Amino acid sequence: MIVAGLDVAFSNDYMALVVIEESNDGKIRLRNLDTWRKIDWHLWKMAMKEKQSKFNIDWIYVDQTNNQSVVMELQYLGMRVEGVSFTNSAKNDMIRNATKVMVTGELIMPEIERIYSQKQQKMVKELFAQLEEQEYQHDTAHPKLMHPNNRHDDLLWALCLALYGIKTNNTGISIVMGLSNDDYEEKSTRDNVLDNVMRRFNNSGITITDVKLKMPGEK
């Protein structure tokens, strides 16, 4: 599964995108990082279409705290997008999740010297710096995460959004459904009925991991 996190900015801050992939071994790896600042809106949308095409992103999780237009714009471009509002508690949960997957080794951070692209080397170095710079401000009833003045945390939150997306998509749900008499013939095989069921989920974005089928007359 390939998921991206997009931290949105509309002022002097950077808009940041982090693309990650969860492999069959259960490990999560960085695929691509990028930032934009004061870029033309049309050019940015073209850049996002290129990212989608190049990395075949399954889902994009977007910071919609101050504006939902980015979510709608990307959805209009045909991308699967989920908006996330940054509350203090949500940020704390995301940081804890990011810390957990790094400490347990589930998230494999790249070795900078082994990254071929100089641009990606620079981006990863900046991400590492932002991870180290985060501090809790305890002057209120609810501690808040802060970064030093004149610094940024856009790549950090883009990574947290992407990791949140991986976690959300891994939760999984159970679906119970029935077939009417019109869905099968009396002599239909189990495989035919199973194919009928699976076709219902084509292009739905839902990944089926297990199917338990009970044919008519079976207990």
C-alpha atoms as a PDB file:
ATOM      1  CA  MET A   1       0.000   0.000   0.000  1.00  0.00           C
ATOM      2  CA  ILE A   2       1.288   3.450  -0.912  1.00  0.00           C
ATOM      3  CA  VAL A   3       0.006   6.378   1.143  1.00  0.00           C
ATOM      4  CA  ALA A   4       0.918  10.056   1.133  1.00  0.00           C
ATOM      5  CA  GLY A   5       0.559  12.742   3.769  1.00  0.00           C
ATOM      6  CA  LEU A   6       0.122  16.362   2.722  1.00  0.00           C
ATOM      7  CA  ASP A   7       0.713  19.217   5.158  1.00  0.00           C
ATOM      8  CA  VAL A   8      -1.009  22.318   3.788  1.00  0.00           C
ATOM      9  CA  ALA A   9       0.244  25.897   3.993  1.00  0.00           C
ATOM     10  CA  PHE A  10      -1.118  29.122   2.534  1.00  0.00           C
ATOM     11  CA  SER A  11       1.364  31.710   3.867  1.00  0.00           C
ATOM     12  CA  ASN A  12       5.157  31.726   4.108  1.00  0.00           C
ATOM     13  CA  ASP A  13       5.264  28.152   5.342  1.00  0.00           C
ATOM     14  CA  TYR A  14       5.973  25.183   3.135  1.00  0.00           C
ATOM     15  CA  MET A  15       3.427  22.772   1.754  1.00  0.00           C
ATOM     16  CA  ALA A  16       4.944  19.318   2.224  1.00  0.00           C
ATOM     17  CA  LEU A  17       4.253  15.871   0.793  1.00  0.00           C
ATOM     18  CA  VAL A  18       5.635  12.591   2.143  1.00  0.00           C
ATOM     19  CA  VAL A  19       4.976   9.351   0.261  1.00  0.00           C
ATOM     20  CA  ILE A  20       5.450   6.060   2.116  1.00  0.00           C
ATOM     21  CA  GLU A  21       4.929   2.421   1.198  1.00  0.00           C
ATOM     22  CA  GLU A  22       4.021  -0.544   3.372  1.00  0.00           C
ATOM     23  CA  SER A  23       5.560  -3.684   1.866  1.00  0.00           C
ATOM     24  CA  ASN A  24       4.439  -7.282   2.168  1.00  0.00           C
ATOM     25  CA  ASP A  25       6.954  -7.737   4.991  1.00  0.00           C
ATOM     26  CA  GLY A  26       4.989  -5.232   7.073  1.00  0.00           C
ATOM     27  CA  LYS A  27       7.774  -2.640   6.944  1.00  0.00           C
ATOM     28  CA  ILE A  28       7.119   0.982   6.020  1.00  0.00           C
ATOM     29  CA  ARG A  29       9.630   2.877   3.888  1.00  0.00           C
ATOM     30  CA  LEU A  30       9.905   6.421   2.560  1.00  0.00           C
ATOM     31  CA  ARG A  31       9.326   6.681  -1.189  1.00  0.00           C
ATOM     32  CA  ASN A  32       9.443  10.402  -1.852  1.00  0.00           C
ATOM     33  CA  LEU A  33       9.469  13.783  -0.112  1.00  0.00           C
ATOM     34  CA  ASP A  34       8.723  17.188  -1.576  1.00  0.00           C
ATOM     35  CA  THR A  35       7.915  20.740  -0.506  1.00  0.00           C
ATOM     36  CA  TRP A  36       6.449  23.774  -2.238  1.00  0.00           C
ATOM     37  CA  ARG A  37       6.466  27.426  -1.225  1.00  0.00           C
ATOM     38  CA  LYS A  38       4.509  30.224  -2.895  1.00  0.00           C
ATOM     39  CA  ILE A  39       3.940  28.070  -5.969  1.00  0.00           C
ATOM     40  CA  ASP A  40       1.292  28.795  -8.557  1.00  0.00           C
ATOM     41  CA  TRP A  41      -1.846  26.792  -7.686  1.00  0.00           C
ATOM     42  CA  HIS A  42      -2.186  25.348 -11.186  1.00  0.00           C
ATOM     43  CA  LEU A  43       1.470  24.259 -11.261  1.00  0.00           C
ATOM     44  CA  TRP A  44       1.092  22.630  -7.855  1.00  0.00           C
ATOM     45  CA  LYS A  45      -1.912  20.602  -9.041  1.00  0.00           C
ATOM     46  CA  MET A  46       0.096  19.469 -12.061  1.00  0.00           C
ATOM     47  CA  ALA A  47       2.901  18.414  -9.711  1.00  0.00           C
ATOM     48  CA  MET A  48       0.450  16.412  -7.606  1.00  0.00           C
ATOM     49  CA  LYS A  49      -0.879  14.642 -10.702  1.00  0.00           C
ATOM     50  CA  GLU A  50       2.687  13.714 -11.605  1.00  0.00           C
ATOM     51  CA  LYS A  51       3.291  12.335  -8.102  1.00  0.00           C
ATOM     52  CA  GLN A  52       0.095  10.289  -8.283  1.00  0.00           C
ATOM     53  CA  SER A  53       1.056   8.873 -11.651  1.00  0.00           C
ATOM     54  CA  LYS A  54       4.689   8.151 -10.742  1.00  0.00           C
ATOM     55  CA  PHE A  55       4.120   6.503  -7.362  1.00  0.00           C
ATOM     56  CA  ASN A  56       0.605   5.100  -7.876  1.00  0.00           C
ATOM     57  CA  ILE A  57      -0.562   6.513  -4.538  1.00  0.00           C
ATOM     58  CA  ASP A  58      -3.535   4.663  -3.033  1.00  0.00           C
ATOM     59  CA  TRP A  59      -4.605   7.346  -0.549  1.00  0.00           C
ATOM     60  CA  ILE A  60      -3.608  10.910   0.305  1.00  0.00           C
ATOM     61  CA  TYR A  61      -4.265  12.179   3.836  1.00  0.00           C
ATOM     62  CA  VAL A  62      -4.492  15.965   3.894  1.00  0.00           C
ATOM     63  CA  ASP A  63      -4.385  18.549   6.658  1.00  0.00           C
ATOM     64  CA  GLN A  64      -7.774  20.250   6.326  1.00  0.00           C
ATOM     65  CA  THR A  65      -7.574  22.272   9.557  1.00  0.00           C
ATOM     66  CA  ASN A  66      -7.922  25.725   8.011  1.00  0.00           C
ATOM     67  CA  ASN A  67      -9.165  24.976   4.534  1.00  0.00           C
ATOM     68  CA  GLN A  68     -10.973  22.078   2.834  1.00  0.00           C
ATOM     69  CA  SER A  69     -10.403  23.334  -0.692  1.00  0.00           C
ATOM     70  CA  VAL A  70      -7.237  21.259  -1.140  1.00  0.00           C
ATOM     71  CA  VAL A  71      -9.140  18.065  -0.359  1.00  0.00           C
ATOM     72  CA  MET A  72     -11.834  18.948  -2.883  1.00  0.00           C
ATOM     73  CA  GLU A  73      -9.308  19.970  -5.548  1.00  0.00           C
ATOM     74  CA  LEU A  74      -7.449  16.660  -5.295  1.00  0.00           C
ATOM     75  CA  GLN A  75     -10.681  14.680  -5.276  1.00  0.00           C
ATOM     76  CA  TYR A  76     -11.736  16.558  -8.414  1.00  0.00           C
ATOM     77  CA  LEU A  77      -8.469  15.388 -10.024  1.00  0.00           C
ATOM     78  CA  GLY A  78      -9.583  11.802  -9.357  1.00  0.00           C
ATOM     79  CA  MET A  79      -7.404  11.071  -6.325  1.00  0.00           C
ATOM     80  CA  ARG A  80      -8.577   9.230  -3.232  1.00  0.00           C
ATOM     81  CA  VAL A  81      -8.226  11.794  -0.476  1.00  0.00           C
ATOM     82  CA  GLU A  82      -9.106  11.918   3.209  1.00  0.00           C
ATOM     83  CA  GLY A  83      -9.135  15.201   5.131  1.00  0.00           C
ATOM     84  CA  VAL A  84      -7.777  15.268   8.689  1.00  0.00           C
ATOM     85  CA  SER A  85      -8.270  18.119  11.169  1.00  0.00           C
ATOM     86  CA  PHE A  86      -5.281  18.941  13.360  1.00  0.00           C
ATOM     87  CA  THR A  87      -6.468  19.190  16.947  1.00  0.00           C
ATOM     88  CA  ASN A  88      -4.034  19.101  19.836  1.00  0.00           C
ATOM     89  CA  SER A  89      -5.124  15.592  20.800  1.00  0.00           C
ATOM     90  CA  ALA A  90      -4.943  14.416  17.178  1.00  0.00           C
ATOM     91  CA  LYS A  91      -1.392  15.734  16.885  1.00  0.00           C
ATOM     92  CA  ASN A  92      -0.369  13.978  20.080  1.00  0.00           C
ATOM     93  CA  ASP A  93      -1.868  10.711  18.821  1.00  0.00           C
ATOM     94  CA  MET A  94      -0.045  11.061  15.498  1.00  0.00           C
ATOM     95  CA  ILE A  95       3.286  11.772  17.170  1.00  0.00           C
ATOM     96  CA  ARG A  96       2.862   8.767  19.449  1.00  0.00           C
ATOM     97  CA  ASN A  97       2.034   6.592  16.442  1.00  0.00           C
ATOM     98  CA  ALA A  98       5.074   7.885  14.523  1.00  0.00           C
ATOM     99  CA  THR A  99       7.327   7.339  17.539  1.00  0.00           C
ATOM    100  CA  LYS A 100       6.027   3.801  17.981  1.00  0.00           C
ATOM    101  CA  VAL A 101       6.656   2.687  14.395  1.00  0.00           C
ATOM    102  CA  MET A 102      10.162   4.192  14.479  1.00  0.00           C
ATOM    103  CA  VAL A 103      11.105   2.667  17.844  1.00  0.00           C
ATOM    104  CA  THR A 104       9.787  -0.784  16.895  1.00  0.00           C
ATOM    105  CA  GLY A 105      11.537  -0.692  13.531  1.00  0.00           C
ATOM    106  CA  GLU A 106       8.290  -0.877  11.607  1.00  0.00           C
ATOM    107  CA  LEU A 107       9.248   2.382   9.890  1.00  0.00           C
ATOM    108  CA  ILE A 108      12.630   2.005   8.209  1.00  0.00           C
ATOM    109  CA  MET A 109      14.302   5.369   7.767  1.00  0.00           C
ATOM    110  CA  PRO A 110      16.751   5.589   4.854  1.00  0.00           C
ATOM    111  CA  GLU A 111      20.518   5.968   5.153  1.00  0.00           C
ATOM    112  CA  ILE A 112      21.163   9.419   3.741  1.00  0.00           C
ATOM    113  CA  GLU A 113      24.460   8.493   2.086  1.00  0.00           C
ATOM    114  CA  ARG A 114      22.704   5.749   0.129  1.00  0.00           C
ATOM    115  CA  ILE A 115      20.102   8.097  -1.388  1.00  0.00           C
ATOM    116  CA  TYR A 116      20.979   8.780  -5.019  1.00  0.00           C
ATOM    117  CA  SER A 117      19.045  12.026  -5.475  1.00  0.00           C
ATOM    118  CA  GLN A 118      20.660  15.086  -3.885  1.00  0.00           C
ATOM    119  CA  LYS A 119      17.239  16.684  -3.554  1.00  0.00           C
ATOM    120  CA  GLN A 120      15.901  13.676  -1.669  1.00  0.00           C
ATOM    121  CA  GLN A 121      19.029  13.640   0.516  1.00  0.00           C
ATOM    122  CA  LYS A 122      18.334  17.239   1.473  1.00  0.00           C
ATOM    123  CA  MET A 123      14.670  16.502   2.166  1.00  0.00           C
ATOM    124  CA  VAL A 124      15.440  13.511   4.389  1.00  0.00           C
ATOM    125  CA  LYS A 125      18.051  15.502   6.338  1.00  0.00           C
ATOM    126  CA  GLU A 126      15.440  18.189   6.922  1.00  0.00           C
ATOM    127  CA  LEU A 127      12.894  15.582   8.049  1.00  0.00           C
ATOM    128  CA  PHE A 128      15.408  14.151  10.536  1.00  0.00           C
ATOM    129  CA  ALA A 129      16.071  17.655  11.871  1.00  0.00           C
ATOM    130  CA  GLN A 130      12.357  18.378  12.282  1.00  0.00           C
ATOM    131  CA  LEU A 131      11.877  15.097  14.145  1.00  0.00           C
ATOM    132  CA  GLU A 132      14.640  16.027  16.600  1.00  0.00           C
ATOM    133  CA  GLU A 133      13.478  19.609  17.117  1.00  0.00           C
ATOM    134  CA  GLN A 134       9.968  18.907  18.374  1.00  0.00           C
ATOM    135  CA  GLU A 135       9.391  19.867  21.998  1.00  0.00           C
ATOM    136  CA  TYR A 136       6.413  19.944  24.304  1.00  0.00           C
ATOM    137  CA  GLN A 137       5.312  23.322  25.640  1.00  0.00           C
ATOM    138  CA  HIS A 138       3.940  22.838  29.157  1.00  0.00           C
ATOM    139  CA  ASP A 139       2.723  26.352  29.955  1.00  0.00           C
ATOM    140  CA  THR A 140      -0.919  25.367  29.394  1.00  0.00           C
ATOM    141  CA  ALA A 141      -3.228  22.721  30.798  1.00  0.00           C
ATOM    142  CA  HIS A 142      -2.718  20.700  27.635  1.00  0.00           C
ATOM    143  CA  PRO A 143       0.928  20.387  26.475  1.00  0.00           C
ATOM    144  CA  LYS A 144       1.476  21.382  22.868  1.00  0.00           C
ATOM    145  CA  LEU A 145       4.104  20.303  20.386  1.00  0.00           C
ATOM    146  CA  MET A 146       6.263  23.200  19.239  1.00  0.00           C
ATOM    147  CA  HIS A 147       9.245  23.756  16.964  1.00  0.00           C
ATOM    148  CA  PRO A 148      11.996  26.403  17.272  1.00  0.00           C
ATOM    149  CA  ASN A 149      11.416  29.890  15.900  1.00  0.00           C
ATOM    150  CA  ASN A 150      12.451  30.363  12.278  1.00  0.00           C
ATOM    151  CA  ARG A 151      12.184  26.619  11.686  1.00  0.00           C
ATOM    152  CA  HIS A 152       9.495  24.437  10.117  1.00  0.00           C
ATOM    153  CA  ASP A 153       7.659  21.193  10.873  1.00  0.00           C
ATOM    154  CA  ASP A 154       5.877  20.608   7.565  1.00  0.00           C
ATOM    155  CA  LEU A 155       7.695  17.405   6.591  1.00  0.00           C
ATOM    156  CA  LEU A 156       7.197  16.004  10.079  1.00  0.00           C
ATOM    157  CA  TRP A 157       3.414  16.423   9.937  1.00  0.00           C
ATOM    158  CA  ALA A 158       3.229  15.178   6.367  1.00  0.00           C
ATOM    159  CA  LEU A 159       4.963  11.996   7.582  1.00  0.00           C
ATOM    160  CA  CYS A 160       2.591  11.747  10.562  1.00  0.00           C
ATOM    161  CA  LEU A 161      -0.410  12.075   8.239  1.00  0.00           C
ATOM    162  CA  ALA A 162       0.911   9.344   5.955  1.00  0.00           C
ATOM    163  CA  LEU A 163       1.565   7.012   8.899  1.00  0.00           C
ATOM    164  CA  TYR A 164      -1.916   7.760  10.208  1.00  0.00           C
ATOM    165  CA  GLY A 165      -3.238   6.760   6.784  1.00  0.00           C
ATOM    166  CA  ILE A 166      -1.376   3.449   6.875  1.00  0.00           C
ATOM    167  CA  LYS A 167      -2.743   2.736  10.358  1.00  0.00           C
ATOM    168  CA  THR A 168      -6.306   3.668   9.333  1.00  0.00           C
ATOM    169  CA  ASN A 169      -6.242   1.458   6.249  1.00  0.00           C
ATOM    170  CA  ASN A 170      -4.881  -1.469   8.242  1.00  0.00           C
ATOM    171  CA  THR A 171      -7.715  -1.439  10.764  1.00  0.00           C
ATOM    172  CA  GLY A 172     -10.019  -3.509   8.560  1.00  0.00           C
ATOM    173  CA  ILE A 173     -13.747  -4.188   8.874  1.00  0.00           C
ATOM    174  CA  SER A 174     -16.000  -7.199   8.484  1.00  0.00           C
ATOM    175  CA  ILE A 175     -18.711  -7.110   5.839  1.00  0.00           C
ATOM    176  CA  VAL A 176     -21.720  -9.428   5.908  1.00  0.00           C
ATOM    177  CA  MET A 177     -23.744  -9.623   2.724  1.00  0.00           C
ATOM    178  CA  GLY A 178     -26.339 -11.911   1.180  1.00  0.00           C
ATOM    179  CA  LEU A 179     -27.247 -12.885  -2.373  1.00  0.00           C
ATOM    180  CA  SER A 180     -30.748 -13.050  -3.735  1.00  0.00           C
ATOM    181  CA  ASN A 181     -32.069 -15.857  -5.908  1.00  0.00           C
ATOM    182  CA  ASP A 182     -31.324 -13.688  -8.934  1.00  0.00           C
ATOM    183  CA  ASP A 183     -27.619 -13.700  -8.105  1.00  0.00           C
ATOM    184  CA  TYR A 184     -27.050 -17.369  -8.822  1.00  0.00           C
ATOM    185  CA  GLU A 185     -28.505 -20.404 -10.488  1.00  0.00           C
ATOM    186  CA  GLU A 186     -29.353 -23.555  -8.604  1.00  0.00           C
ATOM    187  CA  LYS A 187     -26.310 -25.371 -10.023  1.00  0.00           C
ATOM    188  CA  SER A 188     -23.871 -22.495  -9.606  1.00  0.00           C
ATOM    189  CA  THR A 189     -20.518 -23.553  -8.199  1.00  0.00           C
ATOM    190  CA  ARG A 190     -18.937 -21.965  -5.155  1.00  0.00           C
ATOM    191  CA  ASP A 191     -16.352 -20.335  -7.437  1.00  0.00           C
ATOM    192  CA  ASN A 192     -19.064 -18.692  -9.542  1.00  0.00           C
ATOM    193  CA  VAL A 193     -20.786 -17.300  -6.476  1.00  0.00           C
ATOM    194  CA  LEU A 194     -17.456 -16.105  -5.076  1.00  0.00           C
ATOM    195  CA  ASP A 195     -16.668 -14.320  -8.349  1.00  0.00           C
ATOM    196  CA  ASN A 196     -20.071 -12.627  -8.127  1.00  0.00           C
ATOM    197  CA  VAL A 197     -19.267 -11.357  -4.654  1.00  0.00           C
ATOM    198  CA  MET A 198     -15.788 -10.124  -5.558  1.00  0.00           C
ATOM    199  CA  ARG A 199     -17.057  -8.229  -8.607  1.00  0.00           C
ATOM    200  CA  ARG A 200     -19.174  -6.080  -6.302  1.00  0.00           C
ATOM    201  CA  PHE A 201     -16.001  -4.620  -4.839  1.00  0.00           C
ATOM    202  CA  ASN A 202     -14.257  -3.863  -8.127  1.00  0.00           C
ATOM    203  CA  ASN A 203     -12.885  -0.293  -8.155  1.00  0.00           C
ATOM    204  CA  SER A 204     -14.287   0.329  -4.677  1.00  0.00           C
ATOM    205  CA  GLY A 205     -10.884   0.892  -3.071  1.00  0.00           C
ATOM    206  CA  ILE A 206     -11.638  -1.919  -0.587  1.00  0.00           C
ATOM    207  CA  THR A 207      -9.068  -4.687  -0.287  1.00  0.00           C
ATOM    208  CA  ILE A 208     -10.628  -8.078   0.469  1.00  0.00           C
ATOM    209  CA  THR A 209      -8.330 -10.231   2.630  1.00  0.00           C
ATOM    210  CA  ASP A 210     -10.624 -13.155   3.475  1.00  0.00           C
ATOM    211  CA  VAL A 211     -14.005 -14.489   2.317  1.00  0.00           C
ATOM    212  CA  LYS A 212     -16.210 -16.999   4.114  1.00  0.00           C
ATOM    213  CA  LEU A 213     -18.957 -18.274   1.836  1.00  0.00           C
ATOM    214  CA  LYS A 214     -22.046 -20.183   2.956  1.00  0.00           C
ATOM    215  CA  MET A 215     -24.056 -21.724   0.120  1.00  0.00           C
ATOM    216  CA  PRO A 216     -27.830 -22.343   0.306  1.00  0.00           C
ATOM    217  CA  GLY A 217     -28.595 -25.430   2.337  1.00  0.00           C
ATOM    218  CA  GLU A 218     -25.278 -25.379   4.162  1.00  0.00           C
ATOM    219  CA  LYS A 219     -25.212 -25.127   7.926  1.00  0.00           C
END
